[in-house]
N, C-alpha and C. Protein backbone atom coordinates (compact mmCIF):
# COMPACT_ATOMS: atom_id res chain seq x y z
N MET A 1 27.52 36.97 -28.98
CA MET A 1 27.15 37.16 -27.61
C MET A 1 27.37 37.84 -27.09
N ASP A 2 27.03 38.95 -26.57
CA ASP A 2 27.32 39.65 -25.83
C ASP A 2 26.71 39.54 -24.23
N ILE A 3 27.66 39.59 -23.53
CA ILE A 3 27.51 39.10 -21.74
C ILE A 3 26.12 39.40 -21.32
N SER A 4 24.79 40.41 -21.98
CA SER A 4 23.71 39.95 -21.28
C SER A 4 22.80 38.82 -21.58
N GLU A 5 23.16 38.10 -22.68
CA GLU A 5 22.74 37.43 -23.76
C GLU A 5 23.13 35.36 -23.04
N ARG A 6 24.56 36.08 -22.15
CA ARG A 6 25.09 34.61 -21.26
C ARG A 6 24.61 35.11 -20.20
N VAL A 7 23.41 35.79 -19.37
CA VAL A 7 23.13 35.99 -18.66
C VAL A 7 21.30 35.11 -19.11
N THR A 8 21.00 35.10 -20.28
CA THR A 8 19.84 34.56 -20.61
C THR A 8 19.35 32.97 -20.79
N ASN A 9 20.76 32.74 -21.07
CA ASN A 9 21.56 31.60 -21.27
C ASN A 9 21.11 30.81 -20.00
N ILE A 10 22.02 31.13 -19.18
CA ILE A 10 22.69 31.03 -17.91
C ILE A 10 20.72 30.58 -17.28
N PHE A 11 19.83 31.34 -17.17
CA PHE A 11 18.39 31.47 -16.91
C PHE A 11 17.64 30.31 -17.84
N THR A 12 17.67 30.05 -19.06
CA THR A 12 17.21 29.59 -19.52
C THR A 12 17.29 27.79 -19.41
N SER A 13 19.37 28.09 -18.99
CA SER A 13 19.33 26.25 -18.84
C SER A 13 19.00 25.59 -17.51
N HIS A 14 19.01 27.08 -16.63
CA HIS A 14 17.75 26.43 -15.37
C HIS A 14 17.14 26.21 -15.40
N ILE A 15 16.03 26.72 -16.55
CA ILE A 15 14.93 26.81 -15.74
C ILE A 15 14.63 25.21 -16.80
N GLU A 16 15.53 24.64 -18.07
CA GLU A 16 15.22 23.68 -19.09
C GLU A 16 15.77 22.21 -17.64
N THR A 17 16.24 22.57 -17.10
CA THR A 17 17.33 21.88 -16.02
C THR A 17 16.31 21.37 -14.82
N ALA A 18 15.57 22.31 -14.30
CA ALA A 18 14.97 22.21 -13.29
C ALA A 18 13.28 21.42 -13.81
N GLN A 19 13.04 21.85 -15.14
CA GLN A 19 12.20 20.91 -15.05
C GLN A 19 12.46 19.44 -15.35
N SER A 20 13.40 19.20 -16.13
CA SER A 20 13.80 17.60 -16.71
C SER A 20 13.81 17.18 -14.86
N ALA A 21 14.34 17.61 -14.46
CA ALA A 21 14.87 17.57 -12.68
C ALA A 21 13.31 16.83 -12.37
N CYS A 22 12.79 17.52 -11.97
CA CYS A 22 11.22 17.49 -12.15
C CYS A 22 10.26 16.27 -12.37
N ASP A 23 10.78 16.25 -13.68
CA ASP A 23 9.72 15.27 -14.36
C ASP A 23 10.08 13.75 -14.20
N GLU A 24 11.46 13.82 -13.86
CA GLU A 24 12.45 12.51 -13.70
C GLU A 24 12.62 11.87 -12.45
N LEU A 25 12.51 13.16 -11.24
CA LEU A 25 13.05 12.82 -9.82
C LEU A 25 11.60 13.08 -8.99
N THR A 26 10.27 13.41 -9.21
CA THR A 26 9.35 13.57 -8.28
C THR A 26 9.40 12.41 -7.33
N ALA A 27 8.69 11.23 -8.21
CA ALA A 27 8.46 10.16 -7.17
C ALA A 27 9.79 9.89 -6.21
N ASP A 28 11.00 10.13 -6.79
CA ASP A 28 12.63 9.71 -5.96
C ASP A 28 12.29 10.26 -4.32
N ILE A 29 11.73 11.53 -5.18
CA ILE A 29 11.95 12.61 -3.72
C ILE A 29 11.57 12.90 -3.00
N VAL A 30 9.96 11.94 -3.33
CA VAL A 30 8.94 11.42 -2.22
C VAL A 30 9.39 10.54 -1.70
N GLU A 31 10.28 9.72 -1.85
CA GLU A 31 10.12 8.54 -1.49
C GLU A 31 11.72 8.99 -0.26
N ALA A 32 12.72 10.06 -0.60
CA ALA A 32 13.80 9.83 0.38
C ALA A 32 13.25 10.80 1.52
N ALA A 33 12.45 11.62 0.96
CA ALA A 33 11.60 12.54 1.47
C ALA A 33 11.24 11.22 3.16
N THR A 34 10.02 10.31 2.64
CA THR A 34 9.39 9.17 3.80
C THR A 34 10.58 8.61 4.23
N LEU A 35 11.87 7.93 3.66
CA LEU A 35 12.70 7.38 4.32
C LEU A 35 13.46 8.29 5.73
N MET A 36 13.61 9.21 5.01
CA MET A 36 14.43 9.91 5.96
C MET A 36 13.34 10.57 7.57
N THR A 37 11.79 10.94 6.91
CA THR A 37 10.79 10.82 7.92
C THR A 37 10.31 9.77 8.99
N ASN A 38 10.27 9.00 8.41
CA ASN A 38 10.50 7.59 9.36
C ASN A 38 11.40 7.32 10.33
N SER A 39 12.78 7.72 9.23
CA SER A 39 14.18 7.64 10.51
C SER A 39 13.55 8.29 11.76
N LEU A 40 13.63 9.57 11.36
CA LEU A 40 13.05 10.66 12.42
C LEU A 40 12.15 10.29 13.39
N LEU A 41 10.58 9.62 12.90
CA LEU A 41 10.12 8.67 13.36
C LEU A 41 10.41 8.19 14.26
N ALA A 42 11.53 7.65 14.27
CA ALA A 42 11.91 5.79 14.78
C ALA A 42 13.28 6.32 15.99
N ASP A 43 13.09 7.92 16.24
CA ASP A 43 14.03 8.93 16.83
C ASP A 43 16.10 8.34 16.75
N ARG A 44 15.89 8.47 15.03
CA ARG A 44 17.18 8.44 14.13
C ARG A 44 17.58 9.47 14.09
N LYS A 45 18.32 9.65 13.49
CA LYS A 45 19.51 11.20 12.69
C LYS A 45 19.65 10.51 11.55
N ILE A 46 20.02 11.93 11.16
CA ILE A 46 20.71 11.90 9.31
C ILE A 46 21.80 13.04 9.57
N LEU A 47 22.86 11.96 8.85
CA LEU A 47 23.98 12.68 8.97
C LEU A 47 24.19 13.41 7.59
N CYS A 48 25.01 14.07 6.99
CA CYS A 48 25.30 14.73 6.06
C CYS A 48 26.12 14.91 5.66
N CYS A 49 27.12 14.85 4.48
CA CYS A 49 28.61 15.33 3.86
C CYS A 49 28.50 15.70 2.46
N GLY A 50 29.55 15.87 2.16
CA GLY A 50 29.90 16.60 0.81
C GLY A 50 30.82 17.42 0.47
N ASN A 51 31.61 17.38 -0.78
CA ASN A 51 32.40 18.61 -0.63
C ASN A 51 32.49 19.99 -1.44
N GLY A 52 33.40 20.82 -0.79
CA GLY A 52 32.91 22.31 -1.30
C GLY A 52 31.62 22.70 -1.56
N GLY A 53 31.04 23.19 -2.89
CA GLY A 53 29.77 23.82 -2.66
C GLY A 53 28.77 22.13 -2.17
N SER A 54 29.01 21.11 -2.26
CA SER A 54 28.32 20.32 -1.44
C SER A 54 28.37 20.15 -0.26
N ALA A 55 29.15 20.63 0.42
CA ALA A 55 29.83 20.69 1.99
C ALA A 55 28.50 21.31 2.35
N SER A 56 28.66 22.66 1.82
CA SER A 56 27.86 24.03 1.80
C SER A 56 25.99 23.22 1.92
N ASP A 57 26.19 22.99 0.49
CA ASP A 57 24.20 22.28 0.95
C ASP A 57 24.30 21.01 1.64
N SER A 58 25.11 20.29 2.43
CA SER A 58 24.78 19.35 3.41
C SER A 58 24.79 20.29 5.09
N GLN A 59 25.24 21.54 4.48
CA GLN A 59 25.23 22.17 6.04
C GLN A 59 23.82 22.97 6.13
N HIS A 60 23.11 23.29 4.68
CA HIS A 60 22.79 23.82 4.39
C HIS A 60 21.26 23.30 5.21
N PHE A 61 21.11 22.02 4.74
CA PHE A 61 20.18 20.82 5.24
C PHE A 61 20.23 20.71 6.32
N SER A 62 20.93 20.25 7.13
CA SER A 62 21.20 19.64 8.39
C SER A 62 20.76 21.19 9.22
N SER A 63 20.99 22.16 9.09
CA SER A 63 20.60 23.54 9.62
C SER A 63 18.61 23.36 9.52
N GLU A 64 18.94 23.68 8.29
CA GLU A 64 17.27 23.75 8.09
C GLU A 64 16.26 22.54 9.16
N LEU A 65 17.09 21.61 9.15
CA LEU A 65 16.06 20.49 10.44
C LEU A 65 16.28 20.52 11.62
N LEU A 66 17.48 20.64 11.95
CA LEU A 66 18.08 21.57 12.96
C LEU A 66 17.23 22.82 13.99
N ASN A 67 17.22 23.62 13.05
CA ASN A 67 16.63 24.94 13.30
C ASN A 67 15.08 24.34 12.84
N ARG A 68 14.72 25.51 12.19
CA ARG A 68 13.26 25.60 11.26
C ARG A 68 13.38 25.56 9.87
N PHE A 69 12.46 25.18 8.96
CA PHE A 69 12.59 25.45 7.50
C PHE A 69 11.62 26.85 6.98
N GLU A 70 10.57 26.25 6.84
CA GLU A 70 8.85 27.68 7.05
C GLU A 70 8.25 27.59 8.20
N ARG A 71 8.31 26.12 8.65
CA ARG A 71 6.96 26.55 9.85
C ARG A 71 7.92 26.48 11.00
N GLU A 72 7.27 26.93 12.29
CA GLU A 72 7.46 26.34 13.74
C GLU A 72 7.27 25.38 14.05
N ARG A 73 8.39 24.38 14.42
CA ARG A 73 8.15 22.96 15.13
C ARG A 73 9.62 22.78 16.32
N PRO A 74 9.43 21.81 16.52
CA PRO A 74 11.16 21.53 17.13
C PRO A 74 12.13 21.26 16.30
N GLY A 75 13.28 21.33 16.64
CA GLY A 75 14.42 21.27 16.29
C GLY A 75 14.36 19.57 16.29
N LEU A 76 15.20 19.33 14.59
CA LEU A 76 15.34 17.65 14.53
C LEU A 76 16.88 17.28 14.00
N PRO A 77 16.82 15.94 14.07
CA PRO A 77 18.54 16.01 14.61
C PRO A 77 18.91 15.68 13.71
N ALA A 78 19.93 16.31 13.33
CA ALA A 78 20.51 16.27 12.03
C ALA A 78 21.93 16.71 11.84
N ILE A 79 23.18 15.84 11.35
CA ILE A 79 24.66 16.87 11.76
C ILE A 79 25.38 16.89 9.79
N ALA A 80 26.19 17.78 10.50
CA ALA A 80 26.84 17.55 8.60
C ALA A 80 27.84 17.58 9.42
N LEU A 81 28.54 16.59 8.45
CA LEU A 81 29.84 15.85 8.77
C LEU A 81 31.27 16.69 7.97
N THR A 82 30.84 17.74 8.45
CA THR A 82 31.54 18.92 6.98
C THR A 82 32.48 20.18 8.09
N THR A 83 31.51 20.28 9.34
CA THR A 83 31.96 21.47 9.77
C THR A 83 32.97 21.02 11.30
N ASP A 84 33.14 20.32 11.10
CA ASP A 84 34.26 19.92 12.38
C ASP A 84 35.48 20.04 11.87
N SER A 85 36.51 21.28 12.08
CA SER A 85 37.59 21.19 11.64
C SER A 85 38.72 20.25 12.01
N SER A 86 38.84 20.70 13.29
CA SER A 86 39.54 18.91 13.68
C SER A 86 39.85 18.06 13.48
N THR A 87 38.43 17.52 13.52
CA THR A 87 38.08 16.09 13.22
C THR A 87 38.37 16.11 11.87
N ILE A 88 37.80 16.64 10.66
CA ILE A 88 38.42 16.29 9.35
C ILE A 88 40.06 16.49 9.46
N THR A 89 40.45 17.64 10.00
CA THR A 89 42.23 17.22 9.60
C THR A 89 42.89 16.58 10.44
N SER A 90 42.56 15.98 11.49
CA SER A 90 43.15 14.98 12.05
C SER A 90 42.71 13.54 11.30
N ILE A 91 41.75 13.22 11.20
CA ILE A 91 41.48 11.76 10.09
C ILE A 91 42.12 12.52 8.79
N SER A 92 42.77 13.52 8.48
CA SER A 92 43.28 13.12 6.67
C SER A 92 45.05 13.45 7.15
N ASN A 93 45.01 14.12 8.53
CA ASN A 93 46.32 13.63 8.79
C ASN A 93 47.40 12.70 9.08
N ASP A 94 46.56 12.28 9.88
CA ASP A 94 46.36 10.38 10.66
C ASP A 94 46.48 9.24 9.90
N TYR A 95 45.27 9.65 8.88
CA TYR A 95 44.69 8.51 7.62
C TYR A 95 44.98 8.96 6.39
N THR A 96 43.61 9.41 5.69
CA THR A 96 43.82 9.72 4.38
C THR A 96 42.68 10.61 4.65
N PHE A 97 42.24 11.91 3.53
CA PHE A 97 41.70 12.93 3.06
C PHE A 97 40.08 11.91 2.88
N ASP A 98 40.48 10.81 2.48
CA ASP A 98 39.17 9.89 2.03
C ASP A 98 38.30 9.11 2.71
N GLU A 99 39.08 9.39 4.04
CA GLU A 99 38.27 8.47 5.13
C GLU A 99 37.68 9.61 6.19
N ILE A 100 37.80 11.08 5.87
CA ILE A 100 37.20 12.35 7.17
C ILE A 100 35.41 12.09 7.04
N PHE A 101 34.84 11.39 6.10
CA PHE A 101 33.31 11.08 6.52
C PHE A 101 32.59 9.98 6.98
N SER A 102 33.73 9.02 6.44
CA SER A 102 33.50 7.29 6.56
C SER A 102 33.85 6.92 8.28
N LYS A 103 34.68 7.67 8.76
CA LYS A 103 35.02 7.76 9.81
C LYS A 103 34.32 8.32 11.40
N GLN A 104 33.72 9.16 10.74
CA GLN A 104 32.52 10.07 11.68
C GLN A 104 31.22 9.14 11.23
N VAL A 105 30.97 8.59 9.82
CA VAL A 105 30.03 7.74 10.23
C VAL A 105 30.04 6.70 10.99
N SER A 106 31.34 5.60 10.75
CA SER A 106 31.36 4.94 11.92
C SER A 106 31.14 5.37 13.32
N ALA A 107 31.86 6.17 13.28
CA ALA A 107 31.85 6.28 15.02
C ALA A 107 30.01 7.15 15.34
N LEU A 108 29.29 7.46 14.88
CA LEU A 108 27.67 8.33 15.18
C LEU A 108 26.88 7.64 14.41
N GLY A 109 27.05 6.48 13.22
CA GLY A 109 25.99 6.13 12.88
C GLY A 109 25.48 5.05 13.85
N GLN A 110 24.49 5.31 13.47
CA GLN A 110 23.24 3.84 13.73
C GLN A 110 22.21 3.40 13.23
N GLU A 111 22.02 1.85 13.30
CA GLU A 111 21.31 1.24 12.31
C GLU A 111 19.79 2.32 12.33
N GLY A 112 19.55 2.08 11.40
CA GLY A 112 18.13 3.38 10.42
C GLY A 112 18.87 4.14 10.94
N ASP A 113 19.57 5.49 11.17
CA ASP A 113 19.83 6.57 10.62
C ASP A 113 20.15 6.71 8.99
N VAL A 114 19.84 7.75 8.58
CA VAL A 114 20.10 8.10 6.89
C VAL A 114 21.76 8.91 6.97
N LEU A 115 22.22 8.63 5.80
CA LEU A 115 23.14 9.13 5.14
C LEU A 115 22.88 10.22 4.07
N LEU A 116 22.62 11.45 4.01
CA LEU A 116 22.56 12.00 3.01
C LEU A 116 24.05 12.36 2.55
N ALA A 117 24.23 11.99 1.17
CA ALA A 117 25.16 12.15 0.27
C ALA A 117 25.57 13.09 -0.27
N ILE A 118 26.22 13.73 -0.71
CA ILE A 118 25.95 14.69 -2.21
C ILE A 118 27.31 14.82 -2.46
N SER A 119 27.48 14.03 -4.08
CA SER A 119 28.58 14.49 -4.91
C SER A 119 27.81 14.95 -6.33
N THR A 120 28.68 15.55 -6.96
CA THR A 120 27.84 16.05 -8.43
C THR A 120 28.37 15.35 -9.52
N SER A 121 29.65 14.87 -9.23
CA SER A 121 30.32 13.42 -9.96
C SER A 121 29.36 12.31 -9.48
N GLY A 122 29.85 11.84 -8.53
CA GLY A 122 29.17 10.99 -8.13
C GLY A 122 30.35 9.82 -8.00
N ASN A 123 31.10 10.78 -8.11
CA ASN A 123 32.95 10.17 -8.03
C ASN A 123 34.09 10.04 -7.00
N SER A 124 33.15 11.17 -5.94
CA SER A 124 34.21 11.07 -4.63
C SER A 124 34.41 10.33 -3.81
N SER A 125 35.97 10.42 -3.80
CA SER A 125 36.33 9.16 -2.82
C SER A 125 35.90 9.10 -1.88
N ASN A 126 35.90 10.47 -1.14
CA ASN A 126 35.71 10.53 0.30
C ASN A 126 33.63 9.66 0.79
N ILE A 127 33.19 10.17 -0.16
CA ILE A 127 31.44 10.03 0.20
C ILE A 127 31.73 8.84 -0.74
N LEU A 128 32.19 7.87 -1.27
CA LEU A 128 32.19 6.49 -1.44
C LEU A 128 32.43 5.68 -0.51
N GLN A 129 33.42 6.10 0.63
CA GLN A 129 33.64 5.47 1.51
C GLN A 129 32.52 5.91 2.79
N ALA A 130 31.97 6.65 2.69
CA ALA A 130 30.80 7.18 3.64
C ALA A 130 29.57 6.39 2.95
N VAL A 131 29.48 6.19 1.89
CA VAL A 131 28.54 5.31 1.86
C VAL A 131 28.40 3.57 2.23
N LYS A 132 30.22 3.33 1.46
CA LYS A 132 30.23 1.79 2.34
C LYS A 132 30.07 2.17 3.85
N ALA A 133 30.75 2.93 4.56
CA ALA A 133 30.69 3.02 6.06
C ALA A 133 28.92 2.77 6.41
N ALA A 134 28.09 3.75 5.96
CA ALA A 134 26.94 3.89 5.94
C ALA A 134 26.11 1.99 6.25
N HIS A 135 26.80 1.52 5.14
CA HIS A 135 25.90 0.31 4.77
C HIS A 135 26.38 -0.56 6.05
N GLN A 136 27.75 -0.20 6.40
CA GLN A 136 28.28 -1.31 7.47
C GLN A 136 27.53 -1.06 8.90
N ARG A 137 27.06 0.30 9.04
CA ARG A 137 25.91 0.54 10.13
C ARG A 137 24.42 0.27 9.64
N GLN A 138 24.37 -0.26 8.76
CA GLN A 138 23.08 -0.69 8.43
C GLN A 138 21.82 0.66 8.67
N MET A 139 22.72 1.56 8.31
CA MET A 139 21.91 2.51 7.29
C MET A 139 21.70 2.73 6.28
N HIS A 140 20.61 3.85 5.94
CA HIS A 140 20.13 3.79 4.81
C HIS A 140 20.75 5.23 3.81
N CYS A 141 20.18 5.23 2.99
CA CYS A 141 21.36 6.91 1.93
C CYS A 141 20.73 6.87 1.00
N VAL A 142 20.76 8.56 1.18
CA VAL A 142 19.93 9.35 0.31
C VAL A 142 21.20 9.72 -0.48
N VAL A 143 21.46 9.66 -1.68
CA VAL A 143 22.70 10.31 -2.66
C VAL A 143 21.72 11.01 -3.84
N LEU A 144 22.68 12.35 -3.31
CA LEU A 144 22.48 13.39 -4.46
C LEU A 144 23.67 13.59 -5.44
N THR A 145 23.52 13.66 -6.56
CA THR A 145 24.24 13.26 -7.72
C THR A 145 23.66 14.09 -9.23
N GLY A 146 24.73 14.01 -10.34
CA GLY A 146 24.03 14.25 -11.50
C GLY A 146 24.63 13.88 -11.96
N ASN A 147 24.33 13.83 -13.97
CA ASN A 147 24.56 12.82 -15.00
C ASN A 147 24.12 11.75 -15.11
N THR A 148 24.82 10.76 -14.76
CA THR A 148 25.16 9.55 -14.84
C THR A 148 25.18 8.72 -13.82
N GLY A 149 25.27 9.74 -12.08
CA GLY A 149 26.15 9.05 -11.00
C GLY A 149 27.01 8.38 -10.40
N GLY A 150 28.01 8.31 -11.33
CA GLY A 150 29.24 8.13 -11.12
C GLY A 150 29.19 6.73 -10.43
N ASP A 151 30.62 6.83 -9.46
CA ASP A 151 30.55 5.08 -9.40
C ASP A 151 29.71 5.52 -8.04
N LEU A 152 29.36 6.30 -7.88
CA LEU A 152 28.20 5.91 -6.29
C LEU A 152 27.30 4.74 -7.02
N VAL A 153 27.24 4.80 -7.88
CA VAL A 153 25.98 3.63 -9.13
C VAL A 153 25.74 2.34 -8.51
N GLY A 154 27.04 2.05 -8.86
CA GLY A 154 28.02 0.55 -8.01
C GLY A 154 27.66 0.08 -6.71
N ILE A 155 28.08 1.54 -5.87
CA ILE A 155 27.47 0.84 -4.69
C ILE A 155 25.87 1.04 -3.76
N LEU A 156 25.67 1.32 -4.47
CA LEU A 156 23.92 1.38 -4.00
C LEU A 156 23.62 0.18 -3.48
N GLU A 157 22.78 -0.05 -2.13
CA GLU A 157 21.55 -1.10 -2.37
C GLU A 157 20.64 -0.35 -2.32
N ASP A 158 19.49 -1.57 -2.24
CA ASP A 158 18.09 -1.53 -2.84
C ASP A 158 17.41 -0.45 -1.98
N ASP A 159 17.42 -0.69 -0.92
CA ASP A 159 17.17 0.97 -0.01
C ASP A 159 17.25 1.95 -0.45
N ASP A 160 18.30 2.17 -1.03
CA ASP A 160 19.18 3.72 -0.92
C ASP A 160 18.05 4.91 -1.95
N VAL A 161 18.19 5.65 -2.06
CA VAL A 161 17.07 6.72 -2.91
C VAL A 161 18.30 6.91 -3.76
N PHE A 162 18.56 7.04 -4.76
CA PHE A 162 19.56 7.45 -5.88
C PHE A 162 18.64 8.58 -6.64
N LEU A 163 19.31 9.66 -6.18
CA LEU A 163 18.51 11.60 -6.97
C LEU A 163 19.49 12.14 -7.96
N SER A 164 19.17 11.42 -9.05
CA SER A 164 20.44 12.44 -10.04
C SER A 164 20.07 12.79 -10.94
N VAL A 165 20.64 14.77 -11.12
CA VAL A 165 20.07 15.20 -11.83
C VAL A 165 20.45 15.36 -13.11
N PRO A 166 19.31 14.95 -14.36
CA PRO A 166 19.91 15.23 -15.39
C PRO A 166 20.64 16.67 -15.49
N ALA A 167 21.54 16.70 -16.03
CA ALA A 167 22.85 17.33 -16.18
C ALA A 167 24.36 17.08 -16.31
N LYS A 168 25.39 17.53 -17.03
CA LYS A 168 26.32 17.58 -16.73
C LYS A 168 27.31 18.46 -16.32
N LEU A 169 26.28 19.94 -16.44
CA LEU A 169 27.49 20.92 -15.98
C LEU A 169 27.17 21.15 -14.36
N THR A 170 28.30 21.13 -13.47
CA THR A 170 28.54 21.26 -12.28
C THR A 170 27.75 22.43 -11.26
N ALA A 171 26.91 23.46 -12.00
CA ALA A 171 26.85 24.37 -11.74
C ALA A 171 25.72 23.61 -11.50
N ARG A 172 24.52 23.80 -12.76
CA ARG A 172 22.93 23.38 -12.82
C ARG A 172 22.80 22.14 -12.06
N ILE A 173 23.85 21.05 -11.81
CA ILE A 173 23.86 20.29 -11.00
C ILE A 173 23.02 20.60 -9.35
N GLN A 174 24.21 21.62 -8.98
CA GLN A 174 24.03 22.01 -7.65
C GLN A 174 22.99 22.65 -7.72
N GLU A 175 22.60 23.64 -8.35
CA GLU A 175 21.16 24.88 -8.68
C GLU A 175 19.97 23.66 -8.27
N ILE A 176 19.99 22.36 -8.86
CA ILE A 176 18.94 21.57 -8.83
C ILE A 176 19.23 20.80 -7.55
N HIS A 177 20.07 20.60 -6.43
CA HIS A 177 20.44 20.25 -5.37
C HIS A 177 19.64 21.14 -4.41
N ILE A 178 19.65 22.23 -4.38
CA ILE A 178 19.21 22.75 -3.61
C ILE A 178 17.30 22.71 -3.85
N ILE A 179 17.21 23.25 -5.05
CA ILE A 179 15.67 22.97 -5.05
C ILE A 179 15.14 21.60 -4.74
N ILE A 180 15.90 20.14 -4.51
CA ILE A 180 16.02 18.79 -3.86
C ILE A 180 15.82 18.83 -2.47
N ILE A 181 17.26 19.70 -1.89
CA ILE A 181 17.13 20.04 -0.49
C ILE A 181 15.10 20.84 -0.11
N HIS A 182 15.03 21.22 -0.86
CA HIS A 182 14.23 22.41 -0.04
C HIS A 182 12.97 21.61 -0.14
N CYS A 183 12.85 20.79 -1.29
CA CYS A 183 11.84 20.09 -1.45
C CYS A 183 11.53 18.38 -0.02
N LEU A 184 13.24 18.49 0.39
CA LEU A 184 12.71 17.14 1.45
C LEU A 184 12.90 17.77 2.83
N CYS A 185 12.73 19.04 2.71
CA CYS A 185 12.65 20.04 3.90
C CYS A 185 11.59 19.75 3.82
N ASP A 186 10.68 20.65 3.21
CA ASP A 186 8.74 21.01 3.02
C ASP A 186 8.65 19.58 2.97
N LEU A 187 8.82 18.59 2.34
CA LEU A 187 7.85 16.91 2.79
C LEU A 187 7.65 16.65 4.24
N ILE A 188 9.54 16.78 4.64
CA ILE A 188 9.44 16.05 6.19
C ILE A 188 8.68 17.26 6.87
N ASP A 189 8.08 18.20 6.95
CA ASP A 189 7.94 18.78 7.52
C ASP A 189 6.08 18.55 7.69
N THR A 190 6.07 18.48 6.44
CA THR A 190 4.58 18.56 5.95
C THR A 190 3.55 16.97 6.25
N GLN A 191 4.64 15.87 6.53
CA GLN A 191 4.15 14.53 6.70
C GLN A 191 4.70 14.71 8.89
N LEU A 192 5.16 15.53 9.02
CA LEU A 192 5.10 15.57 10.77
C LEU A 192 4.77 16.23 11.24
N LEU A 193 3.77 17.03 10.34
CA LEU A 193 2.79 18.53 11.23
C LEU A 193 2.00 18.19 10.26
N GLY A 194 1.89 17.46 9.42
CA GLY A 194 0.29 17.54 8.49
C GLY A 194 0.84 18.66 7.06
N PRO A 195 -0.47 19.23 6.36
CA PRO A 195 -0.11 20.57 5.95
C PRO A 195 -0.77 21.31 6.19
N GLU A 196 0.36 22.58 5.74
CA GLU A 196 -0.45 23.94 6.56
C GLU A 196 -1.96 23.77 6.02
């Protein structure tokens, strides 16, 4: 296989994964966006977390809400729990890295808030702890993961929304996560502002 054929294969794999995700996840994406919109309408907020590329995705989502997505509107309350290096390093130094998000959720989360938890494998210990902390605070969770959903599947509650991309490769999962994030932003704006 020559190098240009590899590029074609990546695009083809992406398109196939995107179509499968669309077929399987559309109703759940609508449910997640409605859950988030209702939380925002109740003067609550969205907390977001993830590791590595998923940390970037959580920051991307919160920035789209705090600033704007594709339409002009007032900023919406969202916090990426991945951005405060002093908090993250102090928690990981004084306790463990597994608690970097859960301690923030316990301190900042309120009943009716939503946690957007992102883990491509569904096995990240600090994401599992964050979801557990959110449940203790009577928060709802929207979980973005992939493949089988890993250990996250076993701790979700009935009113959480589980969005698992039907793929095994991390790259494909992350690519679809960003599409899902853009869908959530669009649907939140549409529900708050009406159709364009």
